[in-house]
Amino acid sequence: MGRGEGAGAAAPTVRVAIACSPCAGRAFERTLELPAPATALDAIRASGLFERHPELALGEPLIGIWGRACVPETVLADGDRVEIYRPLTMDPNEARRLRAKNLRATARR
């Protein structure tokens, strides 16, 4: 028998982190150990995030691994960080314009 085989061998697992900001000012992060192979959706379901924040479970979640978009069926590697993204509430360019406008207005005072 080779290494890792036999009655005493443990099933392979992957250790991953789940991260999300369900609303402004709140963050959720949990580390999980899942049986391999596990998908991004398996990890999200195992984290209990959808039970705590059911609004995130509506429709297909926007997710990524280490900041790169992926599909829920993506197979995870040990050490991956699965991130769940909220839909944008404002166009980033418009938000930047508003911040610049407010900064100019306060500088004139």
C-alpha atoms as a PDB file:
ATOM      1  CA  MET A   1       0.000   0.000   0.000  1.00  0.00           C
ATOM      2  CA  GLY A   2       1.173   3.492  -0.809  1.00  0.00           C
ATOM      3  CA  ARG A   3       1.113   6.472   1.421  1.00  0.00           C
ATOM      4  CA  GLY A   4      -2.412   7.698   2.240  1.00  0.00           C
ATOM      5  CA  GLU A   5      -4.020   4.347   1.481  1.00  0.00           C
ATOM      6  CA  GLY A   6      -5.554   1.856   3.861  1.00  0.00           C
ATOM      7  CA  ALA A   7      -8.003   1.876   6.730  1.00  0.00           C
ATOM      8  CA  GLY A   8      -6.326   4.731   8.646  1.00  0.00           C
ATOM      9  CA  ALA A   9      -6.149   7.171   5.730  1.00  0.00           C
ATOM     10  CA  ALA A  10      -8.258  10.295   6.070  1.00  0.00           C
ATOM     11  CA  ALA A  11     -10.444  11.473   3.228  1.00  0.00           C
ATOM     12  CA  PRO A  12      -8.890  14.427   1.356  1.00  0.00           C
ATOM     13  CA  THR A  13     -10.173  17.855   2.351  1.00  0.00           C
ATOM     14  CA  VAL A  14      -9.760  21.469   1.291  1.00  0.00           C
ATOM     15  CA  ARG A  15      -9.537  24.358   3.734  1.00  0.00           C
ATOM     16  CA  VAL A  16     -11.154  27.535   2.383  1.00  0.00           C
ATOM     17  CA  ALA A  17     -12.382  30.900   3.631  1.00  0.00           C
ATOM     18  CA  ILE A  18     -15.760  32.466   2.856  1.00  0.00           C
ATOM     19  CA  ALA A  19     -15.975  36.271   2.921  1.00  0.00           C
ATOM     20  CA  CYS A  20     -18.852  38.656   2.380  1.00  0.00           C
ATOM     21  CA  SER A  21     -20.116  42.083   3.346  1.00  0.00           C
ATOM     22  CA  PRO A  22     -23.895  41.539   3.444  1.00  0.00           C
ATOM     23  CA  CYS A  23     -24.507  45.263   3.969  1.00  0.00           C
ATOM     24  CA  ALA A  24     -22.452  48.407   4.419  1.00  0.00           C
ATOM     25  CA  GLY A  25     -20.391  48.324   7.596  1.00  0.00           C
ATOM     26  CA  ARG A  26     -20.817  44.578   8.235  1.00  0.00           C
ATOM     27  CA  ALA A  27     -18.474  41.767   7.301  1.00  0.00           C
ATOM     28  CA  PHE A  28     -18.754  37.986   7.466  1.00  0.00           C
ATOM     29  CA  GLU A  29     -15.781  35.661   7.229  1.00  0.00           C
ATOM     30  CA  ARG A  30     -15.547  31.992   8.085  1.00  0.00           C
ATOM     31  CA  THR A  31     -12.944  29.308   7.517  1.00  0.00           C
ATOM     32  CA  LEU A  32     -14.205  25.854   6.552  1.00  0.00           C
ATOM     33  CA  GLU A  33     -12.771  22.445   5.905  1.00  0.00           C
ATOM     34  CA  LEU A  34     -14.715  20.575   3.229  1.00  0.00           C
ATOM     35  CA  PRO A  35     -14.365  17.142   1.648  1.00  0.00           C
ATOM     36  CA  ALA A  36     -12.529  17.355  -1.669  1.00  0.00           C
ATOM     37  CA  PRO A  37     -13.519  18.029  -4.369  1.00  0.00           C
ATOM     38  CA  ALA A  38     -15.707  20.936  -3.261  1.00  0.00           C
ATOM     39  CA  THR A  39     -17.144  23.754  -5.352  1.00  0.00           C
ATOM     40  CA  ALA A  40     -17.521  27.432  -4.494  1.00  0.00           C
ATOM     41  CA  LEU A  41     -21.268  26.898  -4.058  1.00  0.00           C
ATOM     42  CA  ASP A  42     -20.646  23.930  -1.714  1.00  0.00           C
ATOM     43  CA  ALA A  43     -18.500  26.186   0.460  1.00  0.00           C
ATOM     44  CA  ILE A  44     -21.066  29.002   0.509  1.00  0.00           C
ATOM     45  CA  ARG A  45     -23.850  26.601   1.487  1.00  0.00           C
ATOM     46  CA  ALA A  46     -21.712  24.982   4.204  1.00  0.00           C
ATOM     47  CA  SER A  47     -20.865  28.407   5.663  1.00  0.00           C
ATOM     48  CA  GLY A  48     -24.498  29.089   6.637  1.00  0.00           C
ATOM     49  CA  LEU A  49     -24.323  32.496   4.970  1.00  0.00           C
ATOM     50  CA  PHE A  50     -27.597  32.064   3.053  1.00  0.00           C
ATOM     51  CA  GLU A  51     -29.446  31.159   6.274  1.00  0.00           C
ATOM     52  CA  ARG A  52     -28.095  34.256   8.050  1.00  0.00           C
ATOM     53  CA  HIS A  53     -28.650  36.571   5.083  1.00  0.00           C
ATOM     54  CA  PRO A  54     -31.431  35.145   2.881  1.00  0.00           C
ATOM     55  CA  GLU A  55     -31.368  38.239   0.657  1.00  0.00           C
ATOM     56  CA  LEU A  56     -28.021  37.026  -0.710  1.00  0.00           C
ATOM     57  CA  ALA A  57     -29.591  33.742  -1.821  1.00  0.00           C
ATOM     58  CA  LEU A  58     -31.975  35.465  -4.245  1.00  0.00           C
ATOM     59  CA  GLY A  59     -30.945  34.664  -7.794  1.00  0.00           C
ATOM     60  CA  GLU A  60     -27.494  33.429  -8.715  1.00  0.00           C
ATOM     61  CA  PRO A  61     -24.873  34.802  -6.323  1.00  0.00           C
ATOM     62  CA  LEU A  62     -22.084  36.987  -7.691  1.00  0.00           C
ATOM     63  CA  ILE A  63     -18.945  35.263  -6.468  1.00  0.00           C
ATOM     64  CA  GLY A  64     -15.216  35.249  -6.929  1.00  0.00           C
ATOM     65  CA  ILE A  65     -12.091  33.579  -5.643  1.00  0.00           C
ATOM     66  CA  TRP A  66      -9.407  35.970  -4.410  1.00  0.00           C
ATOM     67  CA  GLY A  67     -11.067  38.871  -6.264  1.00  0.00           C
ATOM     68  CA  ARG A  68     -11.484  37.093  -9.609  1.00  0.00           C
ATOM     69  CA  ALA A  69     -15.017  36.317 -10.764  1.00  0.00           C
ATOM     70  CA  CYS A  70     -15.938  32.659 -11.003  1.00  0.00           C
ATOM     71  CA  VAL A  71     -18.972  30.445 -11.510  1.00  0.00           C
ATOM     72  CA  PRO A  72     -20.524  28.579  -8.555  1.00  0.00           C
ATOM     73  CA  GLU A  73     -19.371  25.235 -10.014  1.00  0.00           C
ATOM     74  CA  THR A  74     -15.675  26.203  -9.766  1.00  0.00           C
ATOM     75  CA  VAL A  75     -13.720  23.491  -7.929  1.00  0.00           C
ATOM     76  CA  LEU A  76     -11.787  24.894  -4.985  1.00  0.00           C
ATOM     77  CA  ALA A  77      -8.149  24.439  -4.087  1.00  0.00           C
ATOM     78  CA  ASP A  78      -6.758  24.386  -0.563  1.00  0.00           C
ATOM     79  CA  GLY A  79      -6.345  27.955   0.709  1.00  0.00           C
ATOM     80  CA  ASP A  80      -8.886  29.589  -1.645  1.00  0.00           C
ATOM     81  CA  ARG A  81     -10.938  32.549  -0.410  1.00  0.00           C
ATOM     82  CA  VAL A  82     -14.480  32.546  -1.820  1.00  0.00           C
ATOM     83  CA  GLU A  83     -16.031  36.015  -1.895  1.00  0.00           C
ATOM     84  CA  ILE A  84     -19.723  36.831  -2.308  1.00  0.00           C
ATOM     85  CA  TYR A  85     -20.407  40.242  -3.828  1.00  0.00           C
ATOM     86  CA  ARG A  86     -23.436  42.474  -3.305  1.00  0.00           C
ATOM     87  CA  PRO A  87     -24.982  44.142  -6.346  1.00  0.00           C
ATOM     88  CA  LEU A  88     -23.762  47.712  -6.835  1.00  0.00           C
ATOM     89  CA  THR A  89     -26.120  50.338  -5.456  1.00  0.00           C
ATOM     90  CA  MET A  90     -24.539  53.114  -7.518  1.00  0.00           C
ATOM     91  CA  ASP A  91     -22.403  53.349 -10.608  1.00  0.00           C
ATOM     92  CA  PRO A  92     -18.760  53.631  -9.419  1.00  0.00           C
ATOM     93  CA  ASN A  93     -18.067  56.502 -11.839  1.00  0.00           C
ATOM     94  CA  GLU A  94     -21.032  58.460 -10.505  1.00  0.00           C
ATOM     95  CA  ALA A  95     -19.932  57.835  -6.910  1.00  0.00           C
ATOM     96  CA  ARG A  96     -16.460  59.161  -7.774  1.00  0.00           C
ATOM     97  CA  ARG A  97     -17.971  62.288  -9.349  1.00  0.00           C
ATOM     98  CA  LEU A  98     -20.097  62.938  -6.243  1.00  0.00           C
ATOM     99  CA  ARG A  99     -17.086  62.550  -3.927  1.00  0.00           C
ATOM    100  CA  ALA A 100     -15.059  64.965  -6.061  1.00  0.00           C
ATOM    101  CA  LYS A 101     -17.930  67.461  -6.113  1.00  0.00           C
ATOM    102  CA  ASN A 102     -18.297  67.284  -2.312  1.00  0.00           C
ATOM    103  CA  LEU A 103     -14.552  67.674  -1.853  1.00  0.00           C
ATOM    104  CA  ARG A 104     -14.522  70.804  -4.047  1.00  0.00           C
ATOM    105  CA  ALA A 105     -17.516  72.215  -2.174  1.00  0.00           C
ATOM    106  CA  THR A 106     -15.858  71.762   1.225  1.00  0.00           C
ATOM    107  CA  ALA A 107     -12.563  73.215  -0.061  1.00  0.00           C
ATOM    108  CA  ARG A 108     -14.318  76.482  -1.070  1.00  0.00           C
ATOM    109  CA  ARG A 109     -15.585  77.156   2.456  1.00  0.00           C
END
